[in-house]
Amino acid sequence: ALSWPDRLYTDWEPLDLVKAGNLTFREPDHHKYPCMQLAYAAGR
């Protein structure tokens, strides 16, 4: 956000996909997270 549109070199740890391992996904449980539905309703 500060450097856009440039890309500044960093010495931060680069992403290692092997180290990151499995990338998983699941649908959110609306009973566990009712605030999501409240936000969609307020936005609409």
All heavy atoms as atom14 arrays in JSON, in Angstrom:
{
  "sequence": "ALSWPDRLYTDWEPLDLVKAGNLTFREPDHHKYPCMQLAYAAGR",
  "atom14_mask": [
    [1, 1, 1, 1, 1, 0, 0, 0, 0, 0, 0, 0, 0, 0],
    [1, 1, 1, 1, 1, 1, 1, 1, 0, 0, 0, 0, 0, 0],
    [1, 1, 1, 1, 1, 1, 0, 0, 0, 0, 0, 0, 0, 0],
    [1, 1, 1, 1, 1, 1, 1, 1, 1, 1, 1, 1, 1, 1],
    [1, 1, 1, 1, 1, 1, 1, 0, 0, 0, 0, 0, 0, 0],
    [1, 1, 1, 1, 1, 1, 1, 1, 0, 0, 0, 0, 0, 0],
    [1, 1, 1, 1, 1, 1, 1, 1, 1, 1, 1, 0, 0, 0],
    [1, 1, 1, 1, 1, 1, 1, 1, 0, 0, 0, 0, 0, 0],
    [1, 1, 1, 1, 1, 1, 1, 1, 1, 1, 1, 1, 0, 0],
    [1, 1, 1, 1, 1, 1, 1, 0, 0, 0, 0, 0, 0, 0],
    [1, 1, 1, 1, 1, 1, 1, 1, 0, 0, 0, 0, 0, 0],
    [1, 1, 1, 1, 1, 1, 1, 1, 1, 1, 1, 1, 1, 1],
    [1, 1, 1, 1, 1, 1, 1, 1, 1, 0, 0, 0, 0, 0],
    [1, 1, 1, 1, 1, 1, 1, 0, 0, 0, 0, 0, 0, 0],
    [1, 1, 1, 1, 1, 1, 1, 1, 0, 0, 0, 0, 0, 0],
    [1, 1, 1, 1, 1, 1, 1, 1, 0, 0, 0, 0, 0, 0],
    [1, 1, 1, 1, 1, 1, 1, 1, 0, 0, 0, 0, 0, 0],
    [1, 1, 1, 1, 1, 1, 1, 0, 0, 0, 0, 0, 0, 0],
    [1, 1, 1, 1, 1, 1, 1, 1, 1, 0, 0, 0, 0, 0],
    [1, 1, 1, 1, 1, 0, 0, 0, 0, 0, 0, 0, 0, 0],
    [1, 1, 1, 1, 0, 0, 0, 0, 0, 0, 0, 0, 0, 0],
    [1, 1, 1, 1, 1, 1, 1, 1, 0, 0, 0, 0, 0, 0],
    [1, 1, 1, 1, 1, 1, 1, 1, 0, 0, 0, 0, 0, 0],
    [1, 1, 1, 1, 1, 1, 1, 0, 0, 0, 0, 0, 0, 0],
    [1, 1, 1, 1, 1, 1, 1, 1, 1, 1, 1, 0, 0, 0],
    [1, 1, 1, 1, 1, 1, 1, 1, 1, 1, 1, 0, 0, 0],
    [1, 1, 1, 1, 1, 1, 1, 1, 1, 0, 0, 0, 0, 0],
    [1, 1, 1, 1, 1, 1, 1, 0, 0, 0, 0, 0, 0, 0],
    [1, 1, 1, 1, 1, 1, 1, 1, 0, 0, 0, 0, 0, 0],
    [1, 1, 1, 1, 1, 1, 1, 1, 1, 1, 0, 0, 0, 0],
    [1, 1, 1, 1, 1, 1, 1, 1, 1, 1, 0, 0, 0, 0],
    [1, 1, 1, 1, 1, 1, 1, 1, 1, 0, 0, 0, 0, 0],
    [1, 1, 1, 1, 1, 1, 1, 1, 1, 1, 1, 1, 0, 0],
    [1, 1, 1, 1, 1, 1, 1, 0, 0, 0, 0, 0, 0, 0],
    [1, 1, 1, 1, 1, 1, 0, 0, 0, 0, 0, 0, 0, 0],
    [1, 1, 1, 1, 1, 1, 1, 1, 0, 0, 0, 0, 0, 0],
    [1, 1, 1, 1, 1, 1, 1, 1, 1, 0, 0, 0, 0, 0],
    [1, 1, 1, 1, 1, 1, 1, 1, 0, 0, 0, 0, 0, 0],
    [1, 1, 1, 1, 1, 0, 0, 0, 0, 0, 0, 0, 0, 0],
    [1, 1, 1, 1, 1, 1, 1, 1, 1, 1, 1, 1, 0, 0],
    [1, 1, 1, 1, 1, 0, 0, 0, 0, 0, 0, 0, 0, 0],
    [1, 1, 1, 1, 1, 0, 0, 0, 0, 0, 0, 0, 0, 0],
    [1, 1, 1, 1, 0, 0, 0, 0, 0, 0, 0, 0, 0, 0],
    [1, 1, 1, 1, 1, 1, 1, 1, 1, 1, 1, 0, 0, 0]
  ],
  "atom14_positions": [
    [[0.83, -1.21, 0.0], [0.0, 0.0, 0.0], [0.87, 1.26, 0.0], [0.49, 2.28, -0.58], [-0.93, 0.0, 1.21], [0.0, 0.0, 0.0], [0.0, 0.0, 0.0], [0.0, 0.0, 0.0], [0.0, 0.0, 0.0], [0.0, 0.0, 0.0], [0.0, 0.0, 0.0], [0.0, 0.0, 0.0], [0.0, 0.0, 0.0], [0.0, 0.0, 0.0]],
    [[2.03, 1.19, 0.64], [2.92, 2.35, 0.7], [3.78, 2.48, -0.55], [4.12, 3.6, -0.96], [3.81, 2.25, 1.94], [3.11, 2.43, 3.29], [4.07, 2.13, 4.43], [2.56, 3.85, 3.42], [0.0, 0.0, 0.0], [0.0, 0.0, 0.0], [0.0, 0.0, 0.0], [0.0, 0.0, 0.0], [0.0, 0.0, 0.0], [0.0, 0.0, 0.0]],
    [[4.16, 1.37, -1.16], [5.11, 1.42, -2.27], [4.45, 1.36, -3.65], [5.1, 1.64, -4.65], [6.1, 0.25, -2.17], [5.43, -1.0, -2.36], [0.0, 0.0, 0.0], [0.0, 0.0, 0.0], [0.0, 0.0, 0.0], [0.0, 0.0, 0.0], [0.0, 0.0, 0.0], [0.0, 0.0, 0.0], [0.0, 0.0, 0.0], [0.0, 0.0, 0.0]],
    [[3.16, 0.99, -3.72], [2.46, 0.85, -4.99], [2.66, 2.08, -5.86], [2.62, 3.21, -5.38], [0.97, 0.64, -4.74], [0.19, 0.45, -6.02], [-0.06, -0.71, -6.67], [-0.46, 1.48, -6.79], [-0.81, -0.48, -7.8], [-1.07, 0.86, -7.9], [-0.57, 2.87, -6.66], [-1.78, 1.56, -8.86], [-1.27, 3.58, -7.63], [-1.86, 2.93, -8.71]],
    [[2.92, 1.9, -7.15], [2.9, 0.66, -7.95], [4.22, -0.11, -7.95], [4.36, -1.1, -8.65], [2.57, 1.16, -9.35], [3.24, 2.5, -9.4], [3.09, 3.09, -8.03], [0.0, 0.0, 0.0], [0.0, 0.0, 0.0], [0.0, 0.0, 0.0], [0.0, 0.0, 0.0], [0.0, 0.0, 0.0], [0.0, 0.0, 0.0], [0.0, 0.0, 0.0]],
    [[5.21, 0.35, -7.16], [6.5, -0.32, -7.13], [6.46, -1.55, -6.22], [5.58, -1.69, -5.36], [7.59, 0.64, -6.63], [7.8, 1.81, -7.58], [7.61, 1.61, -8.8], [8.15, 2.9, -7.11], [0.0, 0.0, 0.0], [0.0, 0.0, 0.0], [0.0, 0.0, 0.0], [0.0, 0.0, 0.0], [0.0, 0.0, 0.0], [0.0, 0.0, 0.0]],
    [[7.42, -2.42, -6.43], [7.63, -3.58, -5.57], [9.02, -3.46, -4.96], [10.02, -3.46, -5.68], [7.53, -4.89, -6.36], [6.14, -5.21, -6.9], [5.28, -5.85, -5.83], [4.04, -6.38, -6.39], [3.13, -7.06, -5.69], [3.34, -7.3, -4.41], [2.02, -7.48, -6.26], [0.0, 0.0, 0.0], [0.0, 0.0, 0.0], [0.0, 0.0, 0.0]],
    [[9.09, -3.33, -3.63], [10.37, -3.18, -2.96], [10.9, -4.54, -2.54], [10.15, -5.4, -2.06], [10.23, -2.28, -1.73], [9.79, -0.84, -1.99], [9.78, -0.05, -0.68], [10.7, -0.15, -3.0], [0.0, 0.0, 0.0], [0.0, 0.0, 0.0], [0.0, 0.0, 0.0], [0.0, 0.0, 0.0], [0.0, 0.0, 0.0], [0.0, 0.0, 0.0]],
    [[12.2, -4.73, -2.72], [12.84, -5.97, -2.28], [12.81, -6.05, -0.75], [13.06, -5.07, -0.06], [14.28, -6.03, -2.77], [15.06, -7.2, -2.19], [14.97, -8.46, -2.75], [15.85, -7.04, -1.06], [15.65, -9.54, -2.21], [16.55, -8.1, -0.5], [16.44, -9.36, -1.09], [17.12, -10.42, -0.54], [0.0, 0.0, 0.0], [0.0, 0.0, 0.0]],
    [[12.5, -7.22, -0.22], [12.58, -7.44, 1.22], [13.47, -8.65, 1.51], [13.66, -9.53, 0.64], [11.19, -7.71, 1.86], [10.81, -9.07, 1.57], [10.15, -6.75, 1.34], [0.0, 0.0, 0.0], [0.0, 0.0, 0.0], [0.0, 0.0, 0.0], [0.0, 0.0, 0.0], [0.0, 0.0, 0.0], [0.0, 0.0, 0.0], [0.0, 0.0, 0.0]],
    [[13.99, -8.7, 2.72], [14.75, -9.86, 3.17], [13.91, -10.74, 4.08], [14.43, -11.56, 4.84], [16.04, -9.42, 3.89], [15.77, -8.55, 5.1], [14.58, -8.31, 5.43], [16.74, -8.09, 5.73], [0.0, 0.0, 0.0], [0.0, 0.0, 0.0], [0.0, 0.0, 0.0], [0.0, 0.0, 0.0], [0.0, 0.0, 0.0], [0.0, 0.0, 0.0]],
    [[12.59, -10.56, 4.02], [11.68, -11.37, 4.83], [11.67, -12.8, 4.33], [12.01, -13.08, 3.17], [10.27, -10.79, 4.8], [10.21, -9.36, 5.24], [11.12, -8.7, 6.03], [9.22, -8.39, 4.9], [10.74, -7.4, 6.21], [9.58, -7.17, 5.53], [8.06, -8.43, 4.13], [8.82, -6.01, 5.41], [7.29, -7.28, 4.02], [7.67, -6.09, 4.65]],
    [[11.25, -13.7, 5.19], [11.24, -15.12, 4.83], [10.32, -15.35, 3.64], [9.13, -15.04, 3.68], [10.74, -15.97, 6.01], [10.72, -17.46, 5.71], [10.11, -18.28, 6.83], [9.67, -17.69, 7.84], [10.06, -19.53, 6.68], [0.0, 0.0, 0.0], [0.0, 0.0, 0.0], [0.0, 0.0, 0.0], [0.0, 0.0, 0.0], [0.0, 0.0, 0.0]],
    [[10.85, -15.89, 2.53], [9.98, -16.15, 1.37], [9.07, -17.35, 1.63], [9.38, -18.22, 2.45], [10.98, -16.45, 0.25], [12.2, -16.96, 0.95], [12.26, -16.25, 2.27], [0.0, 0.0, 0.0], [0.0, 0.0, 0.0], [0.0, 0.0, 0.0], [0.0, 0.0, 0.0], [0.0, 0.0, 0.0], [0.0, 0.0, 0.0], [0.0, 0.0, 0.0]],
    [[7.96, -17.37, 0.93], [7.02, -18.47, 1.09], [7.61, -19.75, 0.52], [8.08, -19.79, -0.62], [5.71, -18.15, 0.37], [4.64, -19.25, 0.4], [4.19, -19.51, 1.83], [3.45, -18.87, -0.48], [0.0, 0.0, 0.0], [0.0, 0.0, 0.0], [0.0, 0.0, 0.0], [0.0, 0.0, 0.0], [0.0, 0.0, 0.0], [0.0, 0.0, 0.0]],
    [[7.6, -20.8, 1.31], [8.04, -22.13, 0.89], [6.8, -23.02, 0.88], [6.27, -23.38, 1.93], [9.08, -22.66, 1.88], [9.66, -24.01, 1.48], [8.95, -24.79, 0.81], [10.81, -24.29, 1.86], [0.0, 0.0, 0.0], [0.0, 0.0, 0.0], [0.0, 0.0, 0.0], [0.0, 0.0, 0.0], [0.0, 0.0, 0.0], [0.0, 0.0, 0.0]],
    [[6.34, -23.37, -0.32], [5.1, -24.13, -0.43], [5.22, -25.52, 0.2], [4.25, -26.05, 0.75], [4.69, -24.25, -1.89], [4.17, -22.96, -2.53], [3.94, -23.16, -4.02], [2.89, -22.5, -1.86], [0.0, 0.0, 0.0], [0.0, 0.0, 0.0], [0.0, 0.0, 0.0], [0.0, 0.0, 0.0], [0.0, 0.0, 0.0], [0.0, 0.0, 0.0]],
    [[6.41, -26.1, 0.11], [6.61, -27.42, 0.73], [6.49, -27.3, 2.25], [5.85, -28.12, 2.91], [7.97, -28.0, 0.32], [8.23, -29.31, 1.07], [8.02, -28.24, -1.19], [0.0, 0.0, 0.0], [0.0, 0.0, 0.0], [0.0, 0.0, 0.0], [0.0, 0.0, 0.0], [0.0, 0.0, 0.0], [0.0, 0.0, 0.0], [0.0, 0.0, 0.0]],
    [[7.12, -26.25, 2.8], [7.03, -26.01, 4.24], [5.61, -25.68, 4.66], [5.14, -26.09, 5.72], [7.98, -24.87, 4.62], [8.02, -24.58, 6.12], [9.03, -23.47, 6.41], [9.07, -23.12, 7.89], [10.03, -22.02, 8.15], [0.0, 0.0, 0.0], [0.0, 0.0, 0.0], [0.0, 0.0, 0.0], [0.0, 0.0, 0.0], [0.0, 0.0, 0.0]],
    [[4.9, -24.92, 3.81], [3.51, -24.56, 4.13], [2.63, -25.81, 4.19], [1.67, -25.86, 4.96], [2.97, -23.58, 3.09], [0.0, 0.0, 0.0], [0.0, 0.0, 0.0], [0.0, 0.0, 0.0], [0.0, 0.0, 0.0], [0.0, 0.0, 0.0], [0.0, 0.0, 0.0], [0.0, 0.0, 0.0], [0.0, 0.0, 0.0], [0.0, 0.0, 0.0]],
    [[2.95, -26.81, 3.36], [2.21, -28.07, 3.4], [0.86, -27.98, 2.71], [0.68, -27.22, 1.76], [0.0, 0.0, 0.0], [0.0, 0.0, 0.0], [0.0, 0.0, 0.0], [0.0, 0.0, 0.0], [0.0, 0.0, 0.0], [0.0, 0.0, 0.0], [0.0, 0.0, 0.0], [0.0, 0.0, 0.0], [0.0, 0.0, 0.0], [0.0, 0.0, 0.0]],
    [[-0.1, -28.75, 3.2], [-1.41, -28.8, 2.57], [-2.17, -27.49, 2.75], [-2.16, -26.89, 3.84], [-2.24, -29.94, 3.17], [-1.67, -31.3, 2.84], [-1.02, -31.47, 1.81], [-1.89, -32.27, 3.72], [0.0, 0.0, 0.0], [0.0, 0.0, 0.0], [0.0, 0.0, 0.0], [0.0, 0.0, 0.0], [0.0, 0.0, 0.0], [0.0, 0.0, 0.0]],
    [[-2.83, -27.06, 1.7], [-3.71, -25.9, 1.76], [-5.13, -26.41, 1.63], [-5.5, -27.01, 0.63], [-3.37, -24.91, 0.64], [-1.92, -24.41, 0.59], [-1.74, -23.42, -0.56], [-1.52, -23.78, 1.91], [0.0, 0.0, 0.0], [0.0, 0.0, 0.0], [0.0, 0.0, 0.0], [0.0, 0.0, 0.0], [0.0, 0.0, 0.0], [0.0, 0.0, 0.0]],
    [[-5.93, -26.19, 2.66], [-7.27, -26.77, 2.7], [-8.33, -25.67, 2.78], [-8.05, -24.53, 3.18], [-7.43, -27.71, 3.9], [-7.21, -26.96, 5.12], [-6.42, -28.85, 3.83], [0.0, 0.0, 0.0], [0.0, 0.0, 0.0], [0.0, 0.0, 0.0], [0.0, 0.0, 0.0], [0.0, 0.0, 0.0], [0.0, 0.0, 0.0], [0.0, 0.0, 0.0]],
    [[-9.55, -26.04, 2.42], [-10.66, -25.09, 2.37], [-11.94, -25.79, 2.82], [-12.09, -26.98, 2.61], [-10.85, -24.56, 0.94], [-9.59, -24.02, 0.32], [-8.76, -24.87, -0.41], [-9.22, -22.71, 0.51], [-7.59, -24.4, -0.96], [-8.03, -22.23, -0.04], [-7.23, -23.07, -0.78], [0.0, 0.0, 0.0], [0.0, 0.0, 0.0], [0.0, 0.0, 0.0]],
    [[-12.81, -25.01, 3.45], [-14.12, -25.55, 3.8], [-15.14, -24.42, 3.87], [-14.8, -23.26, 4.1], [-14.09, -26.36, 5.09], [-13.61, -25.64, 6.33], [-13.63, -26.61, 7.5], [-13.3, -26.0, 8.78], [-12.2, -26.22, 9.46], [-11.28, -27.04, 8.98], [-12.0, -25.65, 10.64], [0.0, 0.0, 0.0], [0.0, 0.0, 0.0], [0.0, 0.0, 0.0]],
    [[-16.38, -24.79, 3.69], [-17.45, -23.81, 3.74], [-17.69, -23.38, 5.18], [-17.69, -24.22, 6.08], [-18.73, -24.42, 3.15], [-19.88, -23.45, 3.04], [-21.1, -24.09, 2.41], [-21.02, -25.26, 2.0], [-22.15, -23.4, 2.33], [0.0, 0.0, 0.0], [0.0, 0.0, 0.0], [0.0, 0.0, 0.0], [0.0, 0.0, 0.0], [0.0, 0.0, 0.0]],
    [[-17.89, -22.09, 5.42], [-18.15, -21.65, 6.79], [-19.5, -22.15, 7.3], [-20.46, -22.26, 6.54], [-18.12, -20.12, 6.69], [-18.36, -19.81, 5.25], [-17.82, -20.96, 4.47], [0.0, 0.0, 0.0], [0.0, 0.0, 0.0], [0.0, 0.0, 0.0], [0.0, 0.0, 0.0], [0.0, 0.0, 0.0], [0.0, 0.0, 0.0], [0.0, 0.0, 0.0]],
    [[-19.54, -22.46, 8.58], [-20.75, -22.95, 9.23], [-21.57, -21.74, 9.69], [-21.17, -21.0, 10.6], [-20.37, -23.82, 10.44], [-21.56, -24.42, 11.14], [-22.69, -23.91, 10.98], [-21.38, -25.41, 11.89], [0.0, 0.0, 0.0], [0.0, 0.0, 0.0], [0.0, 0.0, 0.0], [0.0, 0.0, 0.0], [0.0, 0.0, 0.0], [0.0, 0.0, 0.0]],
    [[-22.73, -21.53, 9.08], [-23.53, -20.35, 9.39], [-24.13, -20.42, 10.79], [-24.49, -19.38, 11.36], [-24.62, -20.15, 8.35], [-24.08, -19.81, 6.99], [-23.62, -18.55, 6.68], [-23.89, -20.56, 5.87], [-23.19, -18.52, 5.43], [-23.33, -19.73, 4.91], [0.0, 0.0, 0.0], [0.0, 0.0, 0.0], [0.0, 0.0, 0.0], [0.0, 0.0, 0.0]],
    [[-24.28, -21.61, 11.35], [-24.76, -21.72, 12.73], [-23.68, -21.3, 13.71], [-23.97, -20.71, 14.75], [-25.23, -23.15, 13.01], [-26.43, -23.56, 12.22], [-27.68, -23.05, 12.46], [-26.56, -24.41, 11.16], [-28.54, -23.57, 11.6], [-27.89, -24.4, 10.8], [0.0, 0.0, 0.0], [0.0, 0.0, 0.0], [0.0, 0.0, 0.0], [0.0, 0.0, 0.0]],
    [[-22.44, -21.59, 13.39], [-21.33, -21.19, 14.25], [-21.0, -19.72, 14.09], [-20.57, -19.06, 15.04], [-20.09, -22.04, 13.92], [-18.9, -21.75, 14.85], [-17.63, -22.45, 14.38], [-17.7, -23.94, 14.56], [-16.38, -24.6, 14.28], [0.0, 0.0, 0.0], [0.0, 0.0, 0.0], [0.0, 0.0, 0.0], [0.0, 0.0, 0.0], [0.0, 0.0, 0.0]],
    [[-21.19, -19.2, 12.88], [-20.79, -17.82, 12.56], [-21.99, -17.01, 12.05], [-22.02, -16.57, 10.9], [-19.7, -17.83, 11.49], [-18.45, -18.59, 11.84], [-18.09, -19.75, 11.13], [-17.6, -18.17, 12.85], [-16.93, -20.45, 11.42], [-16.44, -18.86, 13.16], [-16.11, -20.0, 12.44], [-14.96, -20.69, 12.72], [0.0, 0.0, 0.0], [0.0, 0.0, 0.0]],
    [[-22.99, -16.72, 12.89], [-24.17, -15.97, 12.42], [-23.84, -14.53, 12.02], [-24.62, -13.91, 11.3], [-25.12, -16.02, 13.61], [-24.23, -16.25, 14.8], [-23.13, -17.12, 14.3], [0.0, 0.0, 0.0], [0.0, 0.0, 0.0], [0.0, 0.0, 0.0], [0.0, 0.0, 0.0], [0.0, 0.0, 0.0], [0.0, 0.0, 0.0], [0.0, 0.0, 0.0]],
    [[-22.72, -13.99, 12.5], [-22.38, -12.61, 12.16], [-22.17, -12.41, 10.66], [-22.37, -11.3, 10.15], [-21.12, -12.17, 12.93], [-21.44, -11.81, 14.68], [0.0, 0.0, 0.0], [0.0, 0.0, 0.0], [0.0, 0.0, 0.0], [0.0, 0.0, 0.0], [0.0, 0.0, 0.0], [0.0, 0.0, 0.0], [0.0, 0.0, 0.0], [0.0, 0.0, 0.0]],
    [[-21.75, -13.45, 9.96], [-21.59, -13.33, 8.51], [-22.9, -12.94, 7.85], [-22.96, -12.04, 7.01], [-21.09, -14.64, 7.91], [-19.64, -14.97, 8.17], [-19.15, -16.4, 7.18], [-20.39, -17.6, 7.61], [0.0, 0.0, 0.0], [0.0, 0.0, 0.0], [0.0, 0.0, 0.0], [0.0, 0.0, 0.0], [0.0, 0.0, 0.0], [0.0, 0.0, 0.0]],
    [[-23.98, -13.64, 8.19], [-25.28, -13.36, 7.59], [-25.78, -11.97, 7.96], [-26.4, -11.29, 7.14], [-26.29, -14.42, 8.04], [-25.99, -15.81, 7.5], [-26.9, -16.86, 8.12], [-26.96, -17.0, 9.33], [-27.62, -17.59, 7.27], [0.0, 0.0, 0.0], [0.0, 0.0, 0.0], [0.0, 0.0, 0.0], [0.0, 0.0, 0.0], [0.0, 0.0, 0.0]],
    [[-25.49, -11.53, 9.19], [-25.89, -10.19, 9.6], [-25.19, -9.14, 8.74], [-25.78, -8.12, 8.36], [-25.55, -9.97, 11.08], [-26.28, -10.85, 12.09], [-25.8, -10.53, 13.51], [-27.78, -10.68, 11.99], [0.0, 0.0, 0.0], [0.0, 0.0, 0.0], [0.0, 0.0, 0.0], [0.0, 0.0, 0.0], [0.0, 0.0, 0.0], [0.0, 0.0, 0.0]],
    [[-23.92, -9.39, 8.42], [-23.16, -8.43, 7.61], [-23.69, -8.38, 6.17], [-23.83, -7.29, 5.6], [-21.68, -8.79, 7.62], [0.0, 0.0, 0.0], [0.0, 0.0, 0.0], [0.0, 0.0, 0.0], [0.0, 0.0, 0.0], [0.0, 0.0, 0.0], [0.0, 0.0, 0.0], [0.0, 0.0, 0.0], [0.0, 0.0, 0.0], [0.0, 0.0, 0.0]],
    [[-23.94, -9.54, 5.59], [-24.51, -9.55, 4.23], [-25.85, -8.81, 4.21], [-26.14, -8.03, 3.28], [-24.72, -10.98, 3.75], [-23.53, -11.6, 3.05], [-22.68, -12.48, 3.7], [-23.26, -11.31, 1.71], [-21.59, -13.05, 3.06], [-22.18, -11.88, 1.05], [-21.34, -12.76, 1.73], [-20.27, -13.31, 1.08], [0.0, 0.0, 0.0], [0.0, 0.0, 0.0]],
    [[-26.69, -9.04, 5.23], [-28.0, -8.39, 5.28], [-27.85, -6.87, 5.41], [-28.57, -6.11, 4.75], [-28.82, -8.95, 6.44], [0.0, 0.0, 0.0], [0.0, 0.0, 0.0], [0.0, 0.0, 0.0], [0.0, 0.0, 0.0], [0.0, 0.0, 0.0], [0.0, 0.0, 0.0], [0.0, 0.0, 0.0], [0.0, 0.0, 0.0], [0.0, 0.0, 0.0]],
    [[-26.93, -6.43, 6.25], [-26.71, -4.99, 6.43], [-26.16, -4.37, 5.15], [-26.56, -3.27, 4.76], [-25.75, -4.74, 7.59], [0.0, 0.0, 0.0], [0.0, 0.0, 0.0], [0.0, 0.0, 0.0], [0.0, 0.0, 0.0], [0.0, 0.0, 0.0], [0.0, 0.0, 0.0], [0.0, 0.0, 0.0], [0.0, 0.0, 0.0], [0.0, 0.0, 0.0]],
    [[-25.25, -5.08, 4.49], [-24.7, -4.57, 3.25], [-25.76, -4.42, 2.18], [-25.83, -3.4, 1.48], [0.0, 0.0, 0.0], [0.0, 0.0, 0.0], [0.0, 0.0, 0.0], [0.0, 0.0, 0.0], [0.0, 0.0, 0.0], [0.0, 0.0, 0.0], [0.0, 0.0, 0.0], [0.0, 0.0, 0.0], [0.0, 0.0, 0.0], [0.0, 0.0, 0.0]],
    [[-26.61, -5.41, 2.05], [-27.68, -5.35, 1.04], [-28.71, -4.27, 1.38], [-29.29, -3.66, 0.48], [-28.34, -6.72, 0.91], [-27.45, -7.77, 0.27], [-28.2, -9.06, 0.0], [-27.4, -9.98, -0.79], [-26.83, -11.1, -0.31], [-26.98, -11.43, 0.97], [-26.11, -11.89, -1.1], [0.0, 0.0, 0.0], [0.0, 0.0, 0.0], [0.0, 0.0, 0.0]]
  ]
}
